[in-house]
Amino acid sequence: MACHETVSCPRCNKCFECRVGSILRCQCQAVTLTEEERQHINENYSSCLCANCLRAMKADYKQHRFRQRINRLFSLFGKR
């Protein structure tokens, strides 16, 4: 990939400038992700996402984890 390349987001198809050559200036730096969130995104997409989709995927992951925790709590109370 070149230093700056216009790419299409695989999630929303919006074009954005990927700055892999100067990553600190890339649009993705606006979104802070945990290692778990990064792993979740990498399980679904193999290429760069736009910042809006990164934010949406981050929110999706948080909802997913919340539902998992709620289900775990319900299963604990159901065993009593």
N, C-alpha and C. Protein backbone atom coordinates (compact mmCIF):
# COMPACT_ATOMS: atom_id res chain seq x y z
N MET A 1 0.85 -1.18 0.00
CA MET A 1 0.00 0.00 0.00
C MET A 1 0.89 1.24 0.00
N ALA A 2 0.56 2.23 -0.74
CA ALA A 2 1.31 3.48 -0.81
C ALA A 2 1.17 4.25 0.50
N CYS A 3 1.94 5.33 0.63
CA CYS A 3 1.87 6.14 1.86
C CYS A 3 0.48 6.68 2.12
N HIS A 4 -0.17 7.16 1.05
CA HIS A 4 -1.54 7.65 1.15
C HIS A 4 -2.31 7.05 -0.01
N GLU A 5 -3.40 6.43 0.33
CA GLU A 5 -4.18 5.76 -0.71
C GLU A 5 -5.66 5.97 -0.44
N THR A 6 -6.41 6.28 -1.47
CA THR A 6 -7.86 6.37 -1.34
C THR A 6 -8.41 4.95 -1.46
N VAL A 7 -9.12 4.53 -0.43
CA VAL A 7 -9.68 3.18 -0.39
C VAL A 7 -11.17 3.26 -0.09
N SER A 8 -11.84 2.16 -0.32
CA SER A 8 -13.26 2.06 -0.03
C SER A 8 -13.43 1.23 1.24
N CYS A 9 -14.20 1.72 2.17
CA CYS A 9 -14.46 1.00 3.41
C CYS A 9 -15.25 -0.27 3.08
N PRO A 10 -14.78 -1.44 3.52
CA PRO A 10 -15.48 -2.68 3.20
C PRO A 10 -16.83 -2.82 3.91
N ARG A 11 -17.08 -2.01 4.91
CA ARG A 11 -18.34 -2.10 5.65
C ARG A 11 -19.42 -1.20 5.06
N CYS A 12 -19.06 0.05 4.72
CA CYS A 12 -20.07 1.00 4.23
C CYS A 12 -19.83 1.46 2.80
N ASN A 13 -18.71 1.07 2.22
CA ASN A 13 -18.31 1.43 0.85
C ASN A 13 -17.98 2.91 0.66
N LYS A 14 -17.87 3.67 1.75
CA LYS A 14 -17.47 5.07 1.67
C LYS A 14 -15.96 5.14 1.38
N CYS A 15 -15.56 6.07 0.50
CA CYS A 15 -14.14 6.26 0.20
C CYS A 15 -13.50 7.14 1.28
N PHE A 16 -12.29 6.79 1.64
CA PHE A 16 -11.53 7.59 2.59
C PHE A 16 -10.05 7.45 2.28
N GLU A 17 -9.26 8.35 2.83
CA GLU A 17 -7.83 8.31 2.60
C GLU A 17 -7.15 7.54 3.72
N CYS A 18 -6.54 6.43 3.35
CA CYS A 18 -5.78 5.62 4.30
C CYS A 18 -4.35 6.13 4.29
N ARG A 19 -3.82 6.44 5.44
CA ARG A 19 -2.47 6.98 5.55
C ARG A 19 -1.56 6.02 6.29
N VAL A 20 -1.46 4.82 5.80
CA VAL A 20 -0.64 3.81 6.44
C VAL A 20 0.83 4.25 6.53
N GLY A 21 1.27 5.09 5.60
CA GLY A 21 2.64 5.59 5.61
C GLY A 21 2.90 6.61 6.71
N SER A 22 1.87 7.27 7.18
CA SER A 22 1.97 8.21 8.30
C SER A 22 0.76 7.98 9.20
N ILE A 23 0.77 6.82 9.84
CA ILE A 23 -0.39 6.32 10.59
C ILE A 23 -0.90 7.29 11.64
N LEU A 24 -0.03 8.10 12.21
CA LEU A 24 -0.48 9.05 13.23
C LEU A 24 -1.36 10.15 12.65
N ARG A 25 -1.36 10.31 11.34
CA ARG A 25 -2.21 11.30 10.67
C ARG A 25 -3.41 10.65 10.00
N CYS A 26 -3.57 9.34 10.14
CA CYS A 26 -4.67 8.63 9.50
C CYS A 26 -5.97 8.88 10.26
N GLN A 27 -7.07 8.83 9.54
CA GLN A 27 -8.40 9.08 10.12
C GLN A 27 -8.76 8.05 11.19
N CYS A 28 -8.18 6.88 11.11
CA CYS A 28 -8.50 5.83 12.09
C CYS A 28 -7.96 6.14 13.49
N GLN A 29 -6.99 7.03 13.58
CA GLN A 29 -6.41 7.39 14.87
C GLN A 29 -7.41 8.12 15.76
N ALA A 30 -8.50 8.59 15.19
CA ALA A 30 -9.53 9.28 15.97
C ALA A 30 -10.35 8.32 16.83
N VAL A 31 -10.19 7.01 16.59
CA VAL A 31 -10.96 5.99 17.30
C VAL A 31 -10.00 5.13 18.13
N THR A 32 -10.18 5.16 19.43
CA THR A 32 -9.35 4.35 20.32
C THR A 32 -10.03 3.00 20.54
N LEU A 33 -9.29 1.94 20.28
CA LEU A 33 -9.84 0.58 20.40
C LEU A 33 -9.03 -0.23 21.39
N THR A 34 -9.72 -1.06 22.16
CA THR A 34 -9.02 -2.01 23.02
C THR A 34 -8.53 -3.18 22.15
N GLU A 35 -7.69 -4.00 22.70
CA GLU A 35 -7.21 -5.17 21.96
C GLU A 35 -8.37 -6.10 21.61
N GLU A 36 -9.34 -6.25 22.52
CA GLU A 36 -10.50 -7.09 22.26
C GLU A 36 -11.36 -6.53 21.13
N GLU A 37 -11.52 -5.21 21.11
CA GLU A 37 -12.29 -4.57 20.03
C GLU A 37 -11.58 -4.75 18.69
N ARG A 38 -10.25 -4.61 18.69
CA ARG A 38 -9.47 -4.82 17.46
C ARG A 38 -9.64 -6.25 16.96
N GLN A 39 -9.57 -7.19 17.87
CA GLN A 39 -9.72 -8.60 17.49
C GLN A 39 -11.11 -8.85 16.90
N HIS A 40 -12.15 -8.29 17.51
CA HIS A 40 -13.51 -8.43 17.02
C HIS A 40 -13.64 -7.89 15.60
N ILE A 41 -13.05 -6.72 15.35
CA ILE A 41 -13.11 -6.12 14.01
C ILE A 41 -12.33 -6.99 13.03
N ASN A 42 -11.15 -7.46 13.43
CA ASN A 42 -10.33 -8.30 12.55
C ASN A 42 -11.00 -9.63 12.21
N GLU A 43 -11.87 -10.11 13.08
CA GLU A 43 -12.62 -11.34 12.80
C GLU A 43 -13.65 -11.13 11.68
N ASN A 44 -14.06 -9.89 11.49
CA ASN A 44 -15.08 -9.58 10.51
C ASN A 44 -14.56 -8.89 9.25
N TYR A 45 -13.47 -8.17 9.36
CA TYR A 45 -12.91 -7.43 8.23
C TYR A 45 -11.40 -7.57 8.21
N SER A 46 -10.85 -7.73 7.02
CA SER A 46 -9.40 -7.90 6.91
C SER A 46 -8.69 -6.64 6.43
N SER A 47 -9.44 -5.63 6.05
CA SER A 47 -8.81 -4.39 5.59
C SER A 47 -9.30 -3.21 6.42
N CYS A 48 -8.76 -2.05 6.13
CA CYS A 48 -9.06 -0.84 6.90
C CYS A 48 -10.52 -0.44 6.78
N LEU A 49 -11.06 0.07 7.88
CA LEU A 49 -12.41 0.62 7.91
C LEU A 49 -12.32 2.12 8.11
N CYS A 50 -13.34 2.85 7.67
CA CYS A 50 -13.39 4.28 7.93
C CYS A 50 -13.65 4.51 9.42
N ALA A 51 -13.37 5.71 9.88
CA ALA A 51 -13.52 6.03 11.31
C ALA A 51 -14.96 5.83 11.79
N ASN A 52 -15.94 6.19 10.96
CA ASN A 52 -17.34 6.01 11.36
C ASN A 52 -17.67 4.54 11.59
N CYS A 53 -17.18 3.68 10.71
CA CYS A 53 -17.44 2.25 10.86
C CYS A 53 -16.66 1.68 12.04
N LEU A 54 -15.47 2.19 12.29
CA LEU A 54 -14.72 1.75 13.47
C LEU A 54 -15.51 2.07 14.74
N ARG A 55 -16.08 3.27 14.78
CA ARG A 55 -16.90 3.65 15.94
C ARG A 55 -18.12 2.75 16.08
N ALA A 56 -18.76 2.45 14.95
CA ALA A 56 -19.95 1.59 14.96
C ALA A 56 -19.58 0.17 15.40
N MET A 57 -18.45 -0.34 14.91
CA MET A 57 -18.01 -1.69 15.29
C MET A 57 -17.64 -1.73 16.77
N LYS A 58 -17.06 -0.66 17.27
CA LYS A 58 -16.73 -0.55 18.69
C LYS A 58 -18.02 -0.63 19.53
N ALA A 59 -19.04 0.12 19.11
CA ALA A 59 -20.33 0.10 19.81
C ALA A 59 -20.98 -1.28 19.72
N ASP A 60 -20.91 -1.91 18.55
CA ASP A 60 -21.46 -3.26 18.38
C ASP A 60 -20.79 -4.24 19.34
N TYR A 61 -19.47 -4.14 19.44
CA TYR A 61 -18.73 -5.03 20.33
C TYR A 61 -19.14 -4.81 21.79
N LYS A 62 -19.28 -3.55 22.18
CA LYS A 62 -19.71 -3.26 23.57
C LYS A 62 -21.09 -3.85 23.84
N GLN A 63 -22.00 -3.74 22.88
CA GLN A 63 -23.34 -4.33 23.05
C GLN A 63 -23.25 -5.85 23.14
N HIS A 64 -22.44 -6.44 22.30
CA HIS A 64 -22.25 -7.89 22.29
C HIS A 64 -21.73 -8.36 23.65
N ARG A 65 -20.71 -7.68 24.18
CA ARG A 65 -20.14 -8.05 25.48
C ARG A 65 -21.17 -7.86 26.60
N PHE A 66 -21.95 -6.79 26.53
CA PHE A 66 -22.98 -6.54 27.53
C PHE A 66 -24.00 -7.68 27.53
N ARG A 67 -24.45 -8.08 26.33
CA ARG A 67 -25.42 -9.18 26.24
C ARG A 67 -24.82 -10.48 26.80
N GLN A 68 -23.55 -10.72 26.53
CA GLN A 68 -22.89 -11.91 27.07
C GLN A 68 -22.89 -11.89 28.59
N ARG A 69 -22.59 -10.75 29.16
CA ARG A 69 -22.56 -10.63 30.63
C ARG A 69 -23.95 -10.81 31.23
N ILE A 70 -24.95 -10.23 30.59
CA ILE A 70 -26.34 -10.37 31.07
C ILE A 70 -26.76 -11.84 31.01
N ASN A 71 -26.45 -12.50 29.90
CA ASN A 71 -26.80 -13.91 29.76
C ASN A 71 -26.10 -14.77 30.80
N ARG A 72 -24.85 -14.43 31.10
CA ARG A 72 -24.12 -15.15 32.13
C ARG A 72 -24.78 -14.97 33.50
N LEU A 73 -25.21 -13.73 33.78
CA LEU A 73 -25.90 -13.48 35.06
C LEU A 73 -27.20 -14.26 35.14
N PHE A 74 -27.98 -14.23 34.06
CA PHE A 74 -29.24 -14.97 34.05
C PHE A 74 -29.00 -16.47 34.25
N SER A 75 -27.95 -16.98 33.65
CA SER A 75 -27.68 -18.42 33.80
C SER A 75 -27.25 -18.73 35.22
N LEU A 76 -26.56 -17.82 35.88
CA LEU A 76 -26.16 -18.04 37.27
C LEU A 76 -27.39 -18.06 38.19
N PHE A 77 -28.30 -17.11 37.98
CA PHE A 77 -29.50 -17.04 38.81
C PHE A 77 -30.46 -18.18 38.50
N GLY A 78 -30.43 -18.66 37.28
CA GLY A 78 -31.32 -19.75 36.89
C GLY A 78 -30.91 -21.07 37.50
N LYS A 79 -29.65 -21.20 37.91
CA LYS A 79 -29.15 -22.46 38.47
C LYS A 79 -29.47 -22.60 39.96
N ARG A 80 -29.92 -21.55 40.58
CA ARG A 80 -30.21 -21.59 42.03
C ARG A 80 -31.52 -22.24 42.31
